[in-house]
Amino acid sequence: MTRPVFGIIACNRTVGIEAAQAVMNRYVEAAMRYADADAVLIPSLPELADAANIVARLDGILLTGSPSNVDARLYGEETAGDGPFDAARDTTVTRLIAATAAARRPVFGVCRGFQEINVAFGGTLRRDLATTALPHHAADDVGFDAMFDHVHDVALTPGGVLARAINAATLSVNSVHYQGVDRLGTGLMVEARAPDGQIEAVAATLDGAPLLAVQWHPEWATDDHADRQTFFHLLGRALRGARLEELVP
């Protein structure tokens, strides 16, 4: 069987003095290795791209994390909120999710991708999660690697995709986000919650195709964590046509 091909969203970044489309290698490498699939980068250039045309050539999409935040006006707030922002990615992803759902292809999301999915399904975000009783982000003065050492447990929904795939009731996850789900999007099912009740993973069916997204970062140190590998194993099964109820053999 020919290896499936998924699209992975790129962000608008500055490299040197020039604008660039960029995806951190850790997302691409973890997904390609553990989904056993090939990848192409999807530029966040909405004025040049046709989302339906892109999706028609792919077996699914992966929406990555990013330093940028979703513009809060997309979910009904009066102002954009705290940056940095990537308006071109906001527009591109909104169109990609709609096109992928219409084409009955799988959608997987990580961190910002998880938040984008919630907004696309009519949900809203809260933006105070670094200062809550359970901080969801490490202190600002820690180093980059140390951010991913900031962890908490999540309770996996009994009978859910992640609980069955990982064969556990709880999971320790890294926590590197300032924003998260406030109102859950229509049709999304909760797959995991933090001890403070914060939703940390969701699943859904897109007219038969699976959607799965997590707030944590399974692409970080994936080789050392079987549960993080499992997330991408599930992506691989979805790309090969498995429905949501079929993701776990």
C-alpha atoms as a PDB file:
ATOM      1  CA  MET A   1       0.000   0.000   0.000  1.00  0.00           C
ATOM      2  CA  THR A   2       1.300   3.459  -0.890  1.00  0.00           C
ATOM      3  CA  ARG A   3       2.198   5.487   2.185  1.00  0.00           C
ATOM      4  CA  PRO A   4      -0.403   8.153   2.927  1.00  0.00           C
ATOM      5  CA  VAL A   5       0.432  11.838   2.649  1.00  0.00           C
ATOM      6  CA  PHE A   6      -0.723  14.417   5.166  1.00  0.00           C
ATOM      7  CA  GLY A   7      -0.487  18.182   5.082  1.00  0.00           C
ATOM      8  CA  ILE A   8       1.076  20.019   8.003  1.00  0.00           C
ATOM      9  CA  ILE A   9       0.286  23.684   8.502  1.00  0.00           C
ATOM     10  CA  ALA A  10       3.112  26.214   8.341  1.00  0.00           C
ATOM     11  CA  CYS A  11       3.370  29.466  10.289  1.00  0.00           C
ATOM     12  CA  ASN A  12       4.520  32.849   9.091  1.00  0.00           C
ATOM     13  CA  ARG A  13       7.892  33.468  10.705  1.00  0.00           C
ATOM     14  CA  THR A  14      10.877  35.743  10.104  1.00  0.00           C
ATOM     15  CA  VAL A  15      14.141  34.036   9.163  1.00  0.00           C
ATOM     16  CA  GLY A  16      16.952  36.560   9.155  1.00  0.00           C
ATOM     17  CA  ILE A  17      15.232  39.591   7.666  1.00  0.00           C
ATOM     18  CA  GLU A  18      12.856  37.724   5.373  1.00  0.00           C
ATOM     19  CA  ALA A  19       9.346  36.377   5.781  1.00  0.00           C
ATOM     20  CA  ALA A  20       9.188  32.579   5.661  1.00  0.00           C
ATOM     21  CA  GLN A  21       6.847  29.637   5.984  1.00  0.00           C
ATOM     22  CA  ALA A  22       8.090  27.469   8.832  1.00  0.00           C
ATOM     23  CA  VAL A  23       7.271  24.337  10.822  1.00  0.00           C
ATOM     24  CA  MET A  24       9.480  23.137  13.647  1.00  0.00           C
ATOM     25  CA  ASN A  25      11.179  19.851  12.730  1.00  0.00           C
ATOM     26  CA  ARG A  26       9.943  18.106  15.853  1.00  0.00           C
ATOM     27  CA  TYR A  27       6.360  18.119  14.557  1.00  0.00           C
ATOM     28  CA  VAL A  28       7.279  16.878  11.101  1.00  0.00           C
ATOM     29  CA  GLU A  29       9.712  14.198  12.260  1.00  0.00           C
ATOM     30  CA  ALA A  30       7.485  12.772  15.000  1.00  0.00           C
ATOM     31  CA  ALA A  31       4.439  12.648  12.760  1.00  0.00           C
ATOM     32  CA  MET A  32       6.216  11.141   9.760  1.00  0.00           C
ATOM     33  CA  ARG A  33       8.054   8.551  11.848  1.00  0.00           C
ATOM     34  CA  TYR A  34       5.230   7.313  14.048  1.00  0.00           C
ATOM     35  CA  ALA A  35       2.364   7.728  11.563  1.00  0.00           C
ATOM     36  CA  ASP A  36       4.548   6.043   8.931  1.00  0.00           C
ATOM     37  CA  ALA A  37       3.442   8.662   6.426  1.00  0.00           C
ATOM     38  CA  ASP A  38       4.837  11.306   4.116  1.00  0.00           C
ATOM     39  CA  ALA A  39       4.223  14.996   4.699  1.00  0.00           C
ATOM     40  CA  VAL A  40       3.905  18.196   2.719  1.00  0.00           C
ATOM     41  CA  LEU A  41       3.902  21.673   4.213  1.00  0.00           C
ATOM     42  CA  ILE A  42       0.831  23.844   3.709  1.00  0.00           C
ATOM     43  CA  PRO A  43       1.785  27.531   3.438  1.00  0.00           C
ATOM     44  CA  SER A  44      -0.277  30.012   5.431  1.00  0.00           C
ATOM     45  CA  LEU A  45      -0.774  32.222   2.390  1.00  0.00           C
ATOM     46  CA  PRO A  46      -4.567  32.376   2.097  1.00  0.00           C
ATOM     47  CA  GLU A  47      -4.585  34.931  -0.711  1.00  0.00           C
ATOM     48  CA  LEU A  48      -2.777  32.422  -2.945  1.00  0.00           C
ATOM     49  CA  ALA A  49      -4.137  29.087  -1.726  1.00  0.00           C
ATOM     50  CA  ASP A  50      -7.296  27.108  -2.502  1.00  0.00           C
ATOM     51  CA  ALA A  51      -8.018  24.995   0.576  1.00  0.00           C
ATOM     52  CA  ALA A  52     -10.324  22.551  -1.198  1.00  0.00           C
ATOM     53  CA  ASN A  53      -7.770  21.995  -3.949  1.00  0.00           C
ATOM     54  CA  ILE A  54      -5.044  21.322  -1.379  1.00  0.00           C
ATOM     55  CA  VAL A  55      -7.141  18.936   0.701  1.00  0.00           C
ATOM     56  CA  ALA A  56      -8.227  16.948  -2.363  1.00  0.00           C
ATOM     57  CA  ARG A  57      -4.603  15.849  -2.775  1.00  0.00           C
ATOM     58  CA  LEU A  58      -4.065  14.821   0.857  1.00  0.00           C
ATOM     59  CA  ASP A  59      -5.109  11.993   3.140  1.00  0.00           C
ATOM     60  CA  GLY A  60      -5.534  14.348   6.108  1.00  0.00           C
ATOM     61  CA  ILE A  61      -4.062  17.357   7.897  1.00  0.00           C
ATOM     62  CA  LEU A  62      -2.090  18.073  11.070  1.00  0.00           C
ATOM     63  CA  LEU A  63      -2.409  21.459  12.785  1.00  0.00           C
ATOM     64  CA  THR A  64       0.647  22.203  14.903  1.00  0.00           C
ATOM     65  CA  GLY A  65       1.440  24.348  17.889  1.00  0.00           C
ATOM     66  CA  SER A  66       2.885  27.809  17.390  1.00  0.00           C
ATOM     67  CA  PRO A  67       4.152  30.810  19.378  1.00  0.00           C
ATOM     68  CA  SER A  68       1.216  32.786  17.962  1.00  0.00           C
ATOM     69  CA  ASN A  69      -2.299  32.958  19.420  1.00  0.00           C
ATOM     70  CA  VAL A  70      -5.674  32.733  17.721  1.00  0.00           C
ATOM     71  CA  ASP A  71      -7.206  36.185  17.224  1.00  0.00           C
ATOM     72  CA  ALA A  72      -9.933  36.431  19.877  1.00  0.00           C
ATOM     73  CA  ARG A  73     -12.219  38.321  17.496  1.00  0.00           C
ATOM     74  CA  LEU A  74     -12.691  35.016  15.658  1.00  0.00           C
ATOM     75  CA  TYR A  75     -14.707  33.755  18.629  1.00  0.00           C
ATOM     76  CA  GLY A  76     -16.671  36.902  19.348  1.00  0.00           C
ATOM     77  CA  GLU A  77     -14.380  39.037  21.496  1.00  0.00           C
ATOM     78  CA  GLU A  78     -14.173  42.766  20.808  1.00  0.00           C
ATOM     79  CA  THR A  79     -10.365  42.858  20.679  1.00  0.00           C
ATOM     80  CA  ALA A  80      -7.725  40.443  19.408  1.00  0.00           C
ATOM     81  CA  GLY A  81      -6.286  39.696  22.862  1.00  0.00           C
ATOM     82  CA  ASP A  82      -2.617  39.111  23.585  1.00  0.00           C
ATOM     83  CA  GLY A  83      -0.238  38.445  20.704  1.00  0.00           C
ATOM     84  CA  PRO A  84       1.795  37.472  18.895  1.00  0.00           C
ATOM     85  CA  PHE A  85      -0.669  36.757  16.094  1.00  0.00           C
ATOM     86  CA  ASP A  86      -0.577  35.087  12.697  1.00  0.00           C
ATOM     87  CA  ALA A  87      -3.665  36.340  10.874  1.00  0.00           C
ATOM     88  CA  ALA A  88      -2.742  34.496   7.693  1.00  0.00           C
ATOM     89  CA  ARG A  89      -2.586  31.199   9.564  1.00  0.00           C
ATOM     90  CA  ASP A  90      -5.941  31.964  11.226  1.00  0.00           C
ATOM     91  CA  THR A  91      -7.554  32.376   7.810  1.00  0.00           C
ATOM     92  CA  THR A  92      -5.773  29.429   6.219  1.00  0.00           C
ATOM     93  CA  VAL A  93      -6.674  27.023   9.022  1.00  0.00           C
ATOM     94  CA  THR A  94     -10.315  28.115   9.115  1.00  0.00           C
ATOM     95  CA  ARG A  95     -10.601  27.288   5.419  1.00  0.00           C
ATOM     96  CA  LEU A  96      -8.580  24.078   5.747  1.00  0.00           C
ATOM     97  CA  ILE A  97     -10.752  22.674   8.527  1.00  0.00           C
ATOM     98  CA  ALA A  98     -13.908  23.400   6.549  1.00  0.00           C
ATOM     99  CA  ALA A  99     -12.469  21.861   3.388  1.00  0.00           C
ATOM    100  CA  THR A 100     -11.123  18.803   5.206  1.00  0.00           C
ATOM    101  CA  ALA A 101     -14.437  18.165   6.925  1.00  0.00           C
ATOM    102  CA  ALA A 102     -16.271  18.518   3.602  1.00  0.00           C
ATOM    103  CA  ALA A 103     -13.854  16.054   1.989  1.00  0.00           C
ATOM    104  CA  ARG A 104     -14.267  13.589   4.886  1.00  0.00           C
ATOM    105  CA  ARG A 105     -10.563  13.562   5.671  1.00  0.00           C
ATOM    106  CA  PRO A 106      -9.047  13.300   9.178  1.00  0.00           C
ATOM    107  CA  VAL A 107      -7.963  16.354  11.142  1.00  0.00           C
ATOM    108  CA  PHE A 108      -5.435  16.101  14.000  1.00  0.00           C
ATOM    109  CA  GLY A 109      -4.342  19.018  16.159  1.00  0.00           C
ATOM    110  CA  VAL A 110      -1.675  19.912  18.725  1.00  0.00           C
ATOM    111  CA  CYS A 111      -1.739  22.934  21.084  1.00  0.00           C
ATOM    112  CA  ARG A 112      -2.648  25.908  18.850  1.00  0.00           C
ATOM    113  CA  GLY A 113      -4.143  23.373  16.453  1.00  0.00           C
ATOM    114  CA  PHE A 114      -6.337  22.068  19.292  1.00  0.00           C
ATOM    115  CA  GLN A 115      -7.495  25.615  20.017  1.00  0.00           C
ATOM    116  CA  GLU A 116      -8.100  26.353  16.320  1.00  0.00           C
ATOM    117  CA  ILE A 117     -10.309  23.282  16.036  1.00  0.00           C
ATOM    118  CA  ASN A 118     -12.380  24.367  19.032  1.00  0.00           C
ATOM    119  CA  VAL A 119     -12.904  27.829  17.528  1.00  0.00           C
ATOM    120  CA  ALA A 120     -13.731  26.397  14.096  1.00  0.00           C
ATOM    121  CA  PHE A 121     -16.541  24.379  15.700  1.00  0.00           C
ATOM    122  CA  GLY A 122     -18.019  27.441  17.370  1.00  0.00           C
ATOM    123  CA  GLY A 123     -16.185  27.254  20.688  1.00  0.00           C
ATOM    124  CA  THR A 124     -14.351  29.968  22.581  1.00  0.00           C
ATOM    125  CA  LEU A 125     -10.999  30.246  24.368  1.00  0.00           C
ATOM    126  CA  ARG A 126      -9.899  31.513  27.755  1.00  0.00           C
ATOM    127  CA  ARG A 127      -6.590  33.365  27.967  1.00  0.00           C
ATOM    128  CA  ASP A 128      -5.620  33.285  31.663  1.00  0.00           C
ATOM    129  CA  LEU A 129      -4.236  29.772  32.105  1.00  0.00           C
ATOM    130  CA  ALA A 130      -0.758  30.814  33.200  1.00  0.00           C
ATOM    131  CA  THR A 131      -2.160  32.462  36.334  1.00  0.00           C
ATOM    132  CA  THR A 132      -4.821  29.981  37.465  1.00  0.00           C
ATOM    133  CA  ALA A 133      -4.506  27.829  40.605  1.00  0.00           C
ATOM    134  CA  LEU A 134      -3.071  25.106  38.375  1.00  0.00           C
ATOM    135  CA  PRO A 135      -0.688  27.034  36.101  1.00  0.00           C
ATOM    136  CA  HIS A 136      -0.739  25.622  32.574  1.00  0.00           C
ATOM    137  CA  HIS A 137       2.554  27.241  31.592  1.00  0.00           C
ATOM    138  CA  ALA A 138       5.933  27.332  33.299  1.00  0.00           C
ATOM    139  CA  ALA A 139       7.251  30.589  34.705  1.00  0.00           C
ATOM    140  CA  ASP A 140       8.418  33.022  32.043  1.00  0.00           C
ATOM    141  CA  ASP A 141      12.011  32.990  33.280  1.00  0.00           C
ATOM    142  CA  VAL A 142      12.698  29.288  32.627  1.00  0.00           C
ATOM    143  CA  GLY A 143      14.651  28.059  29.624  1.00  0.00           C
ATOM    144  CA  PHE A 144      13.055  26.638  26.494  1.00  0.00           C
ATOM    145  CA  ASP A 145      13.592  22.980  27.323  1.00  0.00           C
ATOM    146  CA  ALA A 146      12.450  23.560  30.898  1.00  0.00           C
ATOM    147  CA  MET A 147       9.073  24.771  29.624  1.00  0.00           C
ATOM    148  CA  PHE A 148       8.350  21.215  28.533  1.00  0.00           C
ATOM    149  CA  ASP A 149       9.310  19.885  31.966  1.00  0.00           C
ATOM    150  CA  HIS A 150       6.219  21.653  33.322  1.00  0.00           C
ATOM    151  CA  VAL A 151       3.719  18.799  33.622  1.00  0.00           C
ATOM    152  CA  HIS A 152       0.420  17.801  35.178  1.00  0.00           C
ATOM    153  CA  ASP A 153      -1.853  14.779  34.967  1.00  0.00           C
ATOM    154  CA  VAL A 154      -4.970  14.515  32.848  1.00  0.00           C
ATOM    155  CA  ALA A 155      -7.903  12.181  33.390  1.00  0.00           C
ATOM    156  CA  LEU A 156      -8.716  10.318  30.188  1.00  0.00           C
ATOM    157  CA  THR A 157     -12.397   9.885  29.372  1.00  0.00           C
ATOM    158  CA  PRO A 158     -13.386   6.252  30.028  1.00  0.00           C
ATOM    159  CA  GLY A 159     -14.020   4.492  26.746  1.00  0.00           C
ATOM    160  CA  GLY A 160     -12.552   7.374  24.760  1.00  0.00           C
ATOM    161  CA  VAL A 161     -10.053   6.987  21.939  1.00  0.00           C
ATOM    162  CA  LEU A 162      -7.044   8.020  24.040  1.00  0.00           C
ATOM    163  CA  ALA A 163      -8.012   5.949  27.081  1.00  0.00           C
ATOM    164  CA  ARG A 164      -8.373   2.844  24.940  1.00  0.00           C
ATOM    165  CA  ALA A 165      -5.280   3.509  22.834  1.00  0.00           C
ATOM    166  CA  ILE A 166      -3.016   4.217  25.818  1.00  0.00           C
ATOM    167  CA  ASN A 167      -4.811   1.685  28.039  1.00  0.00           C
ATOM    168  CA  ALA A 168      -4.770   3.993  31.047  1.00  0.00           C
ATOM    169  CA  ALA A 169      -7.129   6.173  33.056  1.00  0.00           C
ATOM    170  CA  THR A 170      -4.655   9.015  33.608  1.00  0.00           C
ATOM    171  CA  LEU A 171      -1.673  10.425  31.797  1.00  0.00           C
ATOM    172  CA  SER A 172       1.114  12.856  32.684  1.00  0.00           C
ATOM    173  CA  VAL A 173       1.387  15.544  29.999  1.00  0.00           C
ATOM    174  CA  ASN A 174       3.550  18.577  29.383  1.00  0.00           C
ATOM    175  CA  SER A 175       1.730  21.894  29.751  1.00  0.00           C
ATOM    176  CA  VAL A 176       2.965  24.776  27.622  1.00  0.00           C
ATOM    177  CA  HIS A 177      -0.044  26.965  26.937  1.00  0.00           C
ATOM    178  CA  TYR A 178      -1.457  30.279  28.098  1.00  0.00           C
ATOM    179  CA  GLN A 179      -4.819  29.748  26.399  1.00  0.00           C
ATOM    180  CA  GLY A 180      -7.290  26.888  26.293  1.00  0.00           C
ATOM    181  CA  VAL A 181     -10.892  25.863  25.817  1.00  0.00           C
ATOM    182  CA  ASP A 182     -13.556  27.989  27.477  1.00  0.00           C
ATOM    183  CA  ARG A 183     -16.802  26.967  25.723  1.00  0.00           C
ATOM    184  CA  LEU A 184     -16.465  23.644  23.911  1.00  0.00           C
ATOM    185  CA  GLY A 185     -17.194  23.650  20.188  1.00  0.00           C
ATOM    186  CA  THR A 186     -20.332  21.959  18.875  1.00  0.00           C
ATOM    187  CA  GLY A 187     -19.911  18.247  18.189  1.00  0.00           C
ATOM    188  CA  LEU A 188     -16.569  17.902  19.984  1.00  0.00           C
ATOM    189  CA  MET A 189     -16.305  15.165  22.603  1.00  0.00           C
ATOM    190  CA  VAL A 190     -14.028  15.553  25.639  1.00  0.00           C
ATOM    191  CA  GLU A 191     -11.147  13.059  25.641  1.00  0.00           C
ATOM    192  CA  ALA A 192      -9.156  14.388  28.612  1.00  0.00           C
ATOM    193  CA  ARG A 193      -9.369  16.932  31.437  1.00  0.00           C
ATOM    194  CA  ALA A 194      -6.777  18.489  33.725  1.00  0.00           C
ATOM    195  CA  PRO A 195      -7.291  18.334  37.515  1.00  0.00           C
ATOM    196  CA  ASP A 196      -8.859  21.832  37.395  1.00  0.00           C
ATOM    197  CA  GLY A 197     -11.436  20.645  34.867  1.00  0.00           C
ATOM    198  CA  GLN A 198      -9.736  22.277  31.893  1.00  0.00           C
ATOM    199  CA  ILE A 199     -10.416  20.347  28.679  1.00  0.00           C
ATOM    200  CA  GLU A 200      -7.135  18.996  27.320  1.00  0.00           C
ATOM    201  CA  ALA A 201      -8.162  16.739  24.409  1.00  0.00           C
ATOM    202  CA  VAL A 202     -11.141  16.339  22.090  1.00  0.00           C
ATOM    203  CA  ALA A 203     -12.391  13.976  19.416  1.00  0.00           C
ATOM    204  CA  ALA A 204     -15.152  14.094  16.814  1.00  0.00           C
ATOM    205  CA  THR A 205     -16.381  12.466  13.646  1.00  0.00           C
ATOM    206  CA  LEU A 206     -16.359  14.522  10.442  1.00  0.00           C
ATOM    207  CA  ASP A 207     -19.045  12.658   8.504  1.00  0.00           C
ATOM    208  CA  GLY A 208     -17.131   9.447   9.133  1.00  0.00           C
ATOM    209  CA  ALA A 209     -13.585  10.824   9.235  1.00  0.00           C
ATOM    210  CA  PRO A 210     -11.874  11.125  12.643  1.00  0.00           C
ATOM    211  CA  LEU A 211     -10.812  14.314  14.399  1.00  0.00           C
ATOM    212  CA  LEU A 212      -8.453  14.140  17.368  1.00  0.00           C
ATOM    213  CA  ALA A 213      -6.648  16.996  19.071  1.00  0.00           C
ATOM    214  CA  VAL A 214      -4.644  17.514  22.252  1.00  0.00           C
ATOM    215  CA  GLN A 215      -3.575  20.602  24.155  1.00  0.00           C
ATOM    216  CA  TRP A 216      -0.212  19.093  25.138  1.00  0.00           C
ATOM    217  CA  HIS A 217       2.827  18.438  22.930  1.00  0.00           C
ATOM    218  CA  PRO A 218       3.192  14.775  21.876  1.00  0.00           C
ATOM    219  CA  GLU A 219       5.896  15.810  19.410  1.00  0.00           C
ATOM    220  CA  TRP A 220       8.271  16.764  22.268  1.00  0.00           C
ATOM    221  CA  ALA A 221      10.715  13.956  23.193  1.00  0.00           C
ATOM    222  CA  THR A 222       8.421  11.530  21.368  1.00  0.00           C
ATOM    223  CA  ASP A 223      11.052   8.795  21.161  1.00  0.00           C
ATOM    224  CA  ASP A 224      11.108   8.597  24.978  1.00  0.00           C
ATOM    225  CA  HIS A 225       7.347   8.383  25.580  1.00  0.00           C
ATOM    226  CA  ALA A 226       5.155   5.564  24.286  1.00  0.00           C
ATOM    227  CA  ASP A 227       1.939   7.552  24.824  1.00  0.00           C
ATOM    228  CA  ARG A 228       3.220  10.386  22.605  1.00  0.00           C
ATOM    229  CA  GLN A 229       4.103   7.885  19.909  1.00  0.00           C
ATOM    230  CA  THR A 230       0.569   6.510  20.214  1.00  0.00           C
ATOM    231  CA  PHE A 231      -0.936   9.873  19.227  1.00  0.00           C
ATOM    232  CA  PHE A 232       0.894   9.694  15.914  1.00  0.00           C
ATOM    233  CA  HIS A 233       0.149   5.983  15.493  1.00  0.00           C
ATOM    234  CA  LEU A 234      -3.508   7.021  15.621  1.00  0.00           C
ATOM    235  CA  LEU A 235      -2.821   9.663  12.985  1.00  0.00           C
ATOM    236  CA  GLY A 236      -1.329   6.967  10.761  1.00  0.00           C
ATOM    237  CA  ARG A 237      -4.414   4.765  11.125  1.00  0.00           C
ATOM    238  CA  ALA A 238      -6.683   7.713  10.376  1.00  0.00           C
ATOM    239  CA  LEU A 239      -4.717   8.579   7.245  1.00  0.00           C
ATOM    240  CA  ARG A 240      -5.213   5.007   6.077  1.00  0.00           C
ATOM    241  CA  GLY A 241      -8.972   5.322   6.289  1.00  0.00           C
ATOM    242  CA  ALA A 242      -9.848   4.164   9.814  1.00  0.00           C
ATOM    243  CA  ARG A 243     -12.960   5.748  11.265  1.00  0.00           C
ATOM    244  CA  LEU A 244     -12.947   7.203  14.776  1.00  0.00           C
ATOM    245  CA  GLU A 245     -14.284   3.994  16.312  1.00  0.00           C
ATOM    246  CA  GLU A 246     -11.677   2.004  14.385  1.00  0.00           C
ATOM    247  CA  LEU A 247      -8.586   3.971  15.453  1.00  0.00           C
ATOM    248  CA  VAL A 248      -7.934   1.580  18.328  1.00  0.00           C
ATOM    249  CA  PRO A 249      -7.701  -2.003  17.008  1.00  0.00           C
END
